[in-house]
């Protein structure tokens, strides 16, 4: 593992980012910047004020509450940025004709059409995640009958379910990475991490300075998702084993708790000097070897443009 990952940066920033379609989004304390490489080679940059909901309402920013709130907020912001990047990058420009569904949605919802589509996309993403990473592992484990084992019973069943969940997650990420377009997104993901490293080390934001840094970062969303899966499996081990639908309801009810605990563990592991605490991040960092790829210089230019924009007063 690259030593830079554990090296204490000169600047402890809260800047995070997200890889987009031919672009990068950077998010600071009060601003979001998005830079996208257009088909003509130009870099389009857009900035806007955006105060996280956990800062607007103090109660939502309390420890163990802020985790689930931040996760939903990040999904909403991220999906909107992803949709915008596809438009700015001229993806699918030749297919501008609207579908009948889009026309119907606009007629019914008017100017709020796009906002409703974003929230609907978040709902679908959450539903898909629950089905694939919660219901399916539980169903497979139930079919295998581990809960009937006299030596382990429900504890063994929950442990097997956790392993299946991890396996499905890794397989899903690996399969997605084989897509050519997604691979480019993963390259932009690497460019995002490299640029943040350069900034946190107080280096001038140039392609030369950014290029030398690692693509792996302890504050990455990939690491957070892996921590969610691991802590979720640990908490579920104490809930017993029931009918598949009851198991699903228990897991859904515990999601806010899991997100809250995972967020605090994630923040601690990213800042702590303890090797034991850092072990929490290790599996997620290894998975970043798939979700981040080495970017080319043109991608680094886009990430730099986005970070510079979010740093401007």
Protein backbone atom coordinates (compact mmCIF):
# COMPACT_ATOMS: atom_id res chain seq x y z
CA UNK A 1 0.00 0.00 0.00
CA UNK A 2 1.33 3.45 -0.95
CA UNK A 3 2.86 5.22 2.08
CA UNK A 4 1.33 8.53 0.94
CA UNK A 5 -2.09 7.27 2.02
CA UNK A 6 -1.07 7.30 5.68
CA UNK A 7 1.14 10.39 5.53
CA UNK A 8 -0.38 13.29 7.47
CA UNK A 9 -1.19 16.10 4.97
CA UNK A 10 -0.11 19.70 5.51
CA UNK A 11 -3.74 20.79 5.10
CA UNK A 12 -6.51 18.79 6.77
CA UNK A 13 -9.30 19.71 4.37
CA UNK A 14 -12.90 18.59 4.10
CA UNK A 15 -12.89 18.86 0.32
CA UNK A 16 -14.40 15.85 -1.37
CA UNK A 17 -15.25 15.03 -4.92
CA UNK A 18 -16.93 12.74 -7.37
CA UNK A 19 -16.02 11.46 -10.81
CA UNK A 20 -18.53 12.38 -13.49
CA UNK A 21 -19.02 11.61 -17.16
CA UNK A 22 -15.94 13.22 -18.71
CA UNK A 23 -15.55 15.38 -15.63
CA UNK A 24 -15.02 15.90 -11.92
CA UNK A 25 -17.11 17.54 -9.22
CA UNK A 26 -15.41 19.05 -6.18
CA UNK A 27 -17.32 20.03 -3.04
CA UNK A 28 -16.03 22.42 -0.37
CA UNK A 29 -17.64 23.78 2.76
CA UNK A 30 -20.00 26.17 0.97
CA UNK A 31 -19.49 25.61 -2.73
CA UNK A 32 -19.70 22.96 -5.44
CA UNK A 33 -17.69 23.13 -8.66
CA UNK A 34 -18.10 20.88 -11.68
CA UNK A 35 -15.69 20.75 -14.61
CA UNK A 36 -16.43 18.73 -17.74
CA UNK A 37 -14.42 18.11 -20.90
CA UNK A 38 -16.70 18.93 -23.83
CA UNK A 39 -16.51 17.12 -27.17
CA UNK A 40 -14.67 20.10 -28.72
CA UNK A 41 -11.91 19.80 -26.10
CA UNK A 42 -12.99 22.81 -24.05
CA UNK A 43 -13.26 22.50 -20.27
CA UNK A 44 -16.62 23.77 -19.05
CA UNK A 45 -16.69 24.77 -15.36
CA UNK A 46 -19.73 25.64 -13.30
CA UNK A 47 -19.80 26.68 -9.65
CA UNK A 48 -22.64 27.26 -7.23
CA UNK A 49 -23.19 27.85 -3.56
CA UNK A 50 -24.19 24.71 -1.70
CA UNK A 51 -24.26 24.46 2.09
CA UNK A 52 -24.57 20.84 3.33
CA UNK A 53 -27.86 20.15 5.10
CA UNK A 54 -25.90 18.99 8.16
CA UNK A 55 -24.63 22.57 8.53
CA UNK A 56 -28.01 24.21 7.92
CA UNK A 57 -29.65 22.24 10.72
CA UNK A 58 -27.40 21.59 13.72
CA UNK A 59 -29.39 18.58 14.92
CA UNK A 60 -28.70 16.81 11.61
CA UNK A 61 -24.99 17.41 12.08
CA UNK A 62 -24.75 15.60 15.38
CA UNK A 63 -22.56 12.46 15.55
CA UNK A 64 -24.35 9.23 14.56
CA UNK A 65 -27.15 11.30 12.97
CA UNK A 66 -25.07 13.04 10.31
CA UNK A 67 -24.02 9.76 8.68
CA UNK A 68 -27.33 8.78 7.07
CA UNK A 69 -28.22 12.42 6.34
CA UNK A 70 -24.87 13.05 4.60
CA UNK A 71 -25.21 9.85 2.58
CA UNK A 72 -28.63 10.83 1.18
CA UNK A 73 -27.51 14.42 0.59
CA UNK A 74 -24.41 13.24 -1.28
CA UNK A 75 -26.51 10.92 -3.45
CA UNK A 76 -28.86 13.74 -4.45
CA UNK A 77 -26.01 16.14 -5.25
CA UNK A 78 -24.04 13.42 -7.02
CA UNK A 79 -26.85 12.19 -9.26
CA UNK A 80 -27.70 15.75 -10.31
CA UNK A 81 -24.04 16.42 -11.13
CA UNK A 82 -23.84 13.15 -13.08
CA UNK A 83 -26.91 14.07 -15.15
CA UNK A 84 -25.56 17.56 -15.78
CA UNK A 85 -22.15 16.25 -16.82
CA UNK A 86 -23.70 13.98 -19.47
CA UNK A 87 -25.43 17.02 -20.94
CA UNK A 88 -22.36 19.30 -20.86
CA UNK A 89 -20.10 16.60 -22.28
CA UNK A 90 -22.50 16.30 -25.25
CA UNK A 91 -23.16 12.63 -24.50
CA UNK A 92 -25.99 11.34 -26.65
CA UNK A 93 -26.33 14.67 -28.45
CA UNK A 94 -27.53 12.90 -31.55
CA UNK A 95 -30.48 11.50 -29.60
CA UNK A 96 -32.02 14.74 -28.39
CA UNK A 97 -35.61 13.72 -29.14
CA UNK A 98 -37.50 13.34 -25.89
CA UNK A 99 -39.27 10.11 -25.06
CA UNK A 100 -43.03 9.96 -24.52
CA UNK A 101 -42.39 9.40 -20.81
CA UNK A 102 -40.28 12.58 -20.57
CA UNK A 103 -42.93 14.59 -22.42
CA UNK A 104 -45.64 13.22 -20.09
CA UNK A 105 -43.53 13.99 -16.99
CA UNK A 106 -42.96 17.57 -18.11
CA UNK A 107 -46.67 18.06 -18.76
CA UNK A 108 -47.58 16.77 -15.31
CA UNK A 109 -44.77 18.29 -13.24
CA UNK A 110 -43.87 21.42 -15.18
CA UNK A 111 -40.73 23.25 -14.07
CA UNK A 112 -40.20 20.78 -11.21
CA UNK A 113 -39.69 17.93 -13.68
CA UNK A 114 -35.90 17.68 -13.28
CA UNK A 115 -35.98 17.86 -9.47
CA UNK A 116 -38.54 15.06 -9.27
CA UNK A 117 -36.43 12.98 -11.65
CA UNK A 118 -33.39 13.38 -9.37
CA UNK A 119 -35.30 12.28 -6.26
CA UNK A 120 -36.81 9.41 -8.23
CA UNK A 121 -33.31 8.37 -9.34
CA UNK A 122 -32.12 8.41 -5.71
CA UNK A 123 -35.10 6.25 -4.72
CA UNK A 124 -34.31 3.76 -7.49
CA UNK A 125 -30.63 3.69 -6.49
CA UNK A 126 -31.51 2.98 -2.85
CA UNK A 127 -34.09 0.34 -3.83
CA UNK A 128 -31.56 -1.36 -6.12
CA UNK A 129 -28.89 -1.33 -3.38
CA UNK A 130 -31.30 -2.81 -0.84
CA UNK A 131 -32.39 -5.55 -3.25
CA UNK A 132 -28.87 -6.53 -4.37
CA UNK A 133 -26.84 -6.02 -1.20
CA UNK A 134 -29.40 -6.82 1.52
CA UNK A 135 -32.29 -8.93 0.27
CA UNK A 136 -30.33 -11.16 -2.15
CA UNK A 137 -27.55 -12.20 0.31
CA UNK A 138 -30.20 -12.93 2.95
CA UNK A 139 -32.24 -14.99 0.50
CA UNK A 140 -29.22 -17.00 -0.67
CA UNK A 141 -28.15 -17.69 2.92
CA UNK A 142 -31.67 -18.82 3.82
CA UNK A 143 -31.75 -21.22 0.88
CA UNK A 144 -28.43 -22.70 1.99
CA UNK A 145 -29.93 -23.42 5.43
CA UNK A 146 -27.04 -22.30 7.62
CA UNK A 147 -29.43 -21.06 10.31
CA UNK A 148 -30.37 -24.70 10.98
CA UNK A 149 -26.79 -25.62 11.87
CA UNK A 150 -26.68 -26.64 15.52
CA UNK A 151 -23.08 -25.48 15.89
CA UNK A 152 -23.69 -21.87 14.82
CA UNK A 153 -27.36 -21.26 14.16
CA UNK A 154 -28.31 -17.63 13.49
CA UNK A 155 -24.78 -16.37 14.22
CA UNK A 156 -23.32 -18.59 11.50
CA UNK A 157 -26.11 -17.62 9.09
CA UNK A 158 -25.44 -13.91 9.62
CA UNK A 159 -21.69 -14.45 9.17
CA UNK A 160 -22.26 -16.30 5.88
CA UNK A 161 -24.69 -13.60 4.75
CA UNK A 162 -22.03 -10.97 5.44
CA UNK A 163 -19.47 -12.84 3.35
CA UNK A 164 -21.96 -13.24 0.50
CA UNK A 165 -22.76 -9.50 0.68
CA UNK A 166 -19.07 -8.60 0.45
CA UNK A 167 -18.63 -11.03 -2.45
CA UNK A 168 -21.58 -9.57 -4.36
CA UNK A 169 -20.29 -6.03 -3.80
CA UNK A 170 -16.79 -6.85 -5.08
CA UNK A 171 -18.19 -8.78 -8.04
CA UNK A 172 -20.53 -5.89 -8.90
CA UNK A 173 -17.69 -3.34 -8.83
CA UNK A 174 -15.45 -5.61 -10.92
CA UNK A 175 -18.11 -6.24 -13.56
CA UNK A 176 -18.98 -2.54 -13.80
CA UNK A 177 -15.29 -1.69 -14.25
CA UNK A 178 -15.23 -3.74 -17.47
CA UNK A 179 -17.47 -1.19 -19.19
CA UNK A 180 -15.40 1.19 -21.36
CA UNK A 181 -17.32 4.31 -20.31
CA UNK A 182 -17.21 3.38 -16.62
CA UNK A 183 -13.46 2.80 -16.89
CA UNK A 184 -13.09 6.44 -18.00
CA UNK A 185 -15.18 7.52 -15.01
CA UNK A 186 -12.82 5.52 -12.79
CA UNK A 187 -9.89 7.35 -14.40
CA UNK A 188 -11.51 10.67 -13.53
CA UNK A 189 -11.98 9.26 -10.03
CA UNK A 190 -8.22 8.75 -9.86
CA UNK A 191 -7.65 12.29 -11.16
CA UNK A 192 -9.90 13.64 -8.39
CA UNK A 193 -7.88 11.88 -5.67
CA UNK A 194 -4.52 12.93 -7.09
CA UNK A 195 -5.60 16.58 -7.26
CA UNK A 196 -6.86 16.60 -3.68
CA UNK A 197 -3.55 15.08 -2.53
CA UNK A 198 -1.63 17.88 -4.27
CA UNK A 199 -3.80 20.53 -2.61
CA UNK A 200 -3.52 18.91 0.84
CA UNK A 201 0.27 18.96 0.46
CA UNK A 202 0.20 22.68 -0.42
CA UNK A 203 1.59 22.09 -3.90
CA UNK A 204 0.84 24.28 -6.88
CA UNK A 205 -2.03 22.72 -8.81
CA UNK A 206 -0.25 21.79 -12.03
CA UNK A 207 -0.44 18.60 -14.05
CA UNK A 208 3.18 17.80 -13.18
CA UNK A 209 2.60 18.11 -9.44
CA UNK A 210 -0.72 16.27 -9.45
CA UNK A 211 0.44 13.37 -11.63
CA UNK A 212 2.97 12.02 -9.07
CA UNK A 213 0.37 11.30 -6.36
CA UNK A 214 -1.45 8.04 -5.71
CA UNK A 215 -5.02 7.39 -6.87
CA UNK A 216 -5.98 5.83 -3.52
CA UNK A 217 -7.44 8.08 -0.81
CA UNK A 218 -8.68 7.15 2.70
CA UNK A 219 -11.67 9.55 2.48
CA UNK A 220 -13.07 7.92 -0.67
CA UNK A 221 -16.72 6.92 -0.96
CA UNK A 222 -15.66 3.41 -2.01
CA UNK A 223 -14.02 2.95 1.38
CA UNK A 224 -17.10 4.31 3.11
CA UNK A 225 -19.38 1.85 1.31
CA UNK A 226 -17.15 -1.06 2.29
CA UNK A 227 -17.20 0.09 5.92
CA UNK A 228 -21.02 0.26 5.75
CA UNK A 229 -21.12 -3.35 4.55
CA UNK A 230 -18.72 -4.59 7.23
CA UNK A 231 -20.37 -2.76 10.13
CA UNK A 232 -23.81 -3.73 8.85
CA UNK A 233 -22.83 -7.40 8.87
CA UNK A 234 -21.51 -7.04 12.42
CA UNK A 235 -24.71 -5.38 13.70
CA UNK A 236 -26.97 -7.86 11.90
CA UNK A 237 -25.18 -10.70 13.71
CA UNK A 238 -26.96 -9.65 16.92
CA UNK A 239 -30.47 -9.53 15.41
CA UNK A 240 -31.02 -13.27 15.08
CA UNK A 241 -32.41 -15.06 12.03
CA UNK A 242 -36.05 -14.90 10.96
CA UNK A 243 -38.29 -15.16 7.91
CA UNK A 244 -36.67 -13.43 4.87
CA UNK A 245 -39.20 -10.58 4.92
CA UNK A 246 -38.72 -10.05 8.67
CA UNK A 247 -34.95 -10.07 8.16
CA UNK A 248 -35.33 -7.47 5.41
CA UNK A 249 -37.51 -5.22 7.60
CA UNK A 250 -34.97 -5.44 10.44
CA UNK A 251 -32.14 -4.54 8.07
CA UNK A 252 -34.06 -1.60 6.62
CA UNK A 253 -34.89 -0.32 10.11
CA UNK A 254 -31.22 -0.51 11.11
CA UNK A 255 -29.88 1.27 8.00
CA UNK A 256 -29.81 4.75 9.66
CA UNK A 257 -27.97 3.25 12.64
CA UNK A 258 -25.47 1.48 10.40
CA UNK A 259 -24.88 4.61 8.30
CA UNK A 260 -24.37 6.67 11.45
CA UNK A 261 -21.87 4.28 13.03
CA UNK A 262 -20.08 3.72 9.70
CA UNK A 263 -19.69 7.45 9.08
CA UNK A 264 -18.04 8.01 12.46
CA UNK A 265 -15.76 5.01 11.94
CA UNK A 266 -14.93 6.28 8.44
CA UNK A 267 -14.02 9.77 9.69
CA UNK A 268 -11.91 8.32 12.51
CA UNK A 269 -10.02 5.88 10.27
CA UNK A 270 -9.21 8.63 7.75
CA UNK A 271 -7.67 10.92 10.40
CA UNK A 272 -6.24 8.55 13.01
CA UNK A 273 -2.56 7.65 13.25
CA UNK A 274 -3.42 4.33 14.91
CA UNK A 275 -2.54 1.34 12.74
CA UNK A 276 -5.36 -0.63 14.36
CA UNK A 277 -7.94 2.02 13.46
CA UNK A 278 -6.54 2.29 9.94
CA UNK A 279 -7.31 -1.38 9.39
CA UNK A 280 -10.96 -0.30 9.00
CA UNK A 281 -10.02 1.49 5.77
CA UNK A 282 -7.76 -1.22 4.35
CA UNK A 283 -10.38 -3.35 2.49
CA UNK A 284 -11.93 -0.23 0.93
CA UNK A 285 -8.51 1.05 -0.11
CA UNK A 286 -7.77 -2.27 -1.80
CA UNK A 287 -11.09 -2.02 -3.64
CA UNK A 288 -10.07 1.44 -4.87
CA UNK A 289 -7.52 -0.35 -7.03
CA UNK A 290 -10.58 -1.13 -9.16
CA UNK A 291 -12.68 2.01 -8.71
CA UNK A 292 -9.77 4.38 -9.38
CA UNK A 293 -7.59 4.11 -12.45
CA UNK A 294 -4.55 6.07 -13.60
CA UNK A 295 -5.80 9.17 -15.49
CA UNK A 296 -4.21 10.86 -18.49
CA UNK A 297 -3.05 14.49 -18.41
CA UNK A 298 -6.26 15.80 -19.98
CA UNK A 299 -8.25 14.28 -17.12
CA UNK A 300 -5.91 15.82 -14.56
CA UNK A 301 -6.52 19.20 -16.19
CA UNK A 302 -10.26 18.79 -15.64
CA UNK A 303 -9.84 17.82 -11.98
CA UNK A 304 -7.50 20.76 -11.40
CA UNK A 305 -9.98 23.16 -12.99
CA UNK A 306 -12.74 21.87 -10.71
CA UNK A 307 -10.66 22.14 -7.53
CA UNK A 308 -9.40 25.63 -8.41
CA UNK A 309 -12.99 26.75 -8.97
CA UNK A 310 -14.20 25.44 -5.59
CA UNK A 311 -11.24 27.13 -3.82
CA UNK A 312 -11.94 30.56 -5.28
CA UNK A 313 -13.43 33.08 -2.83
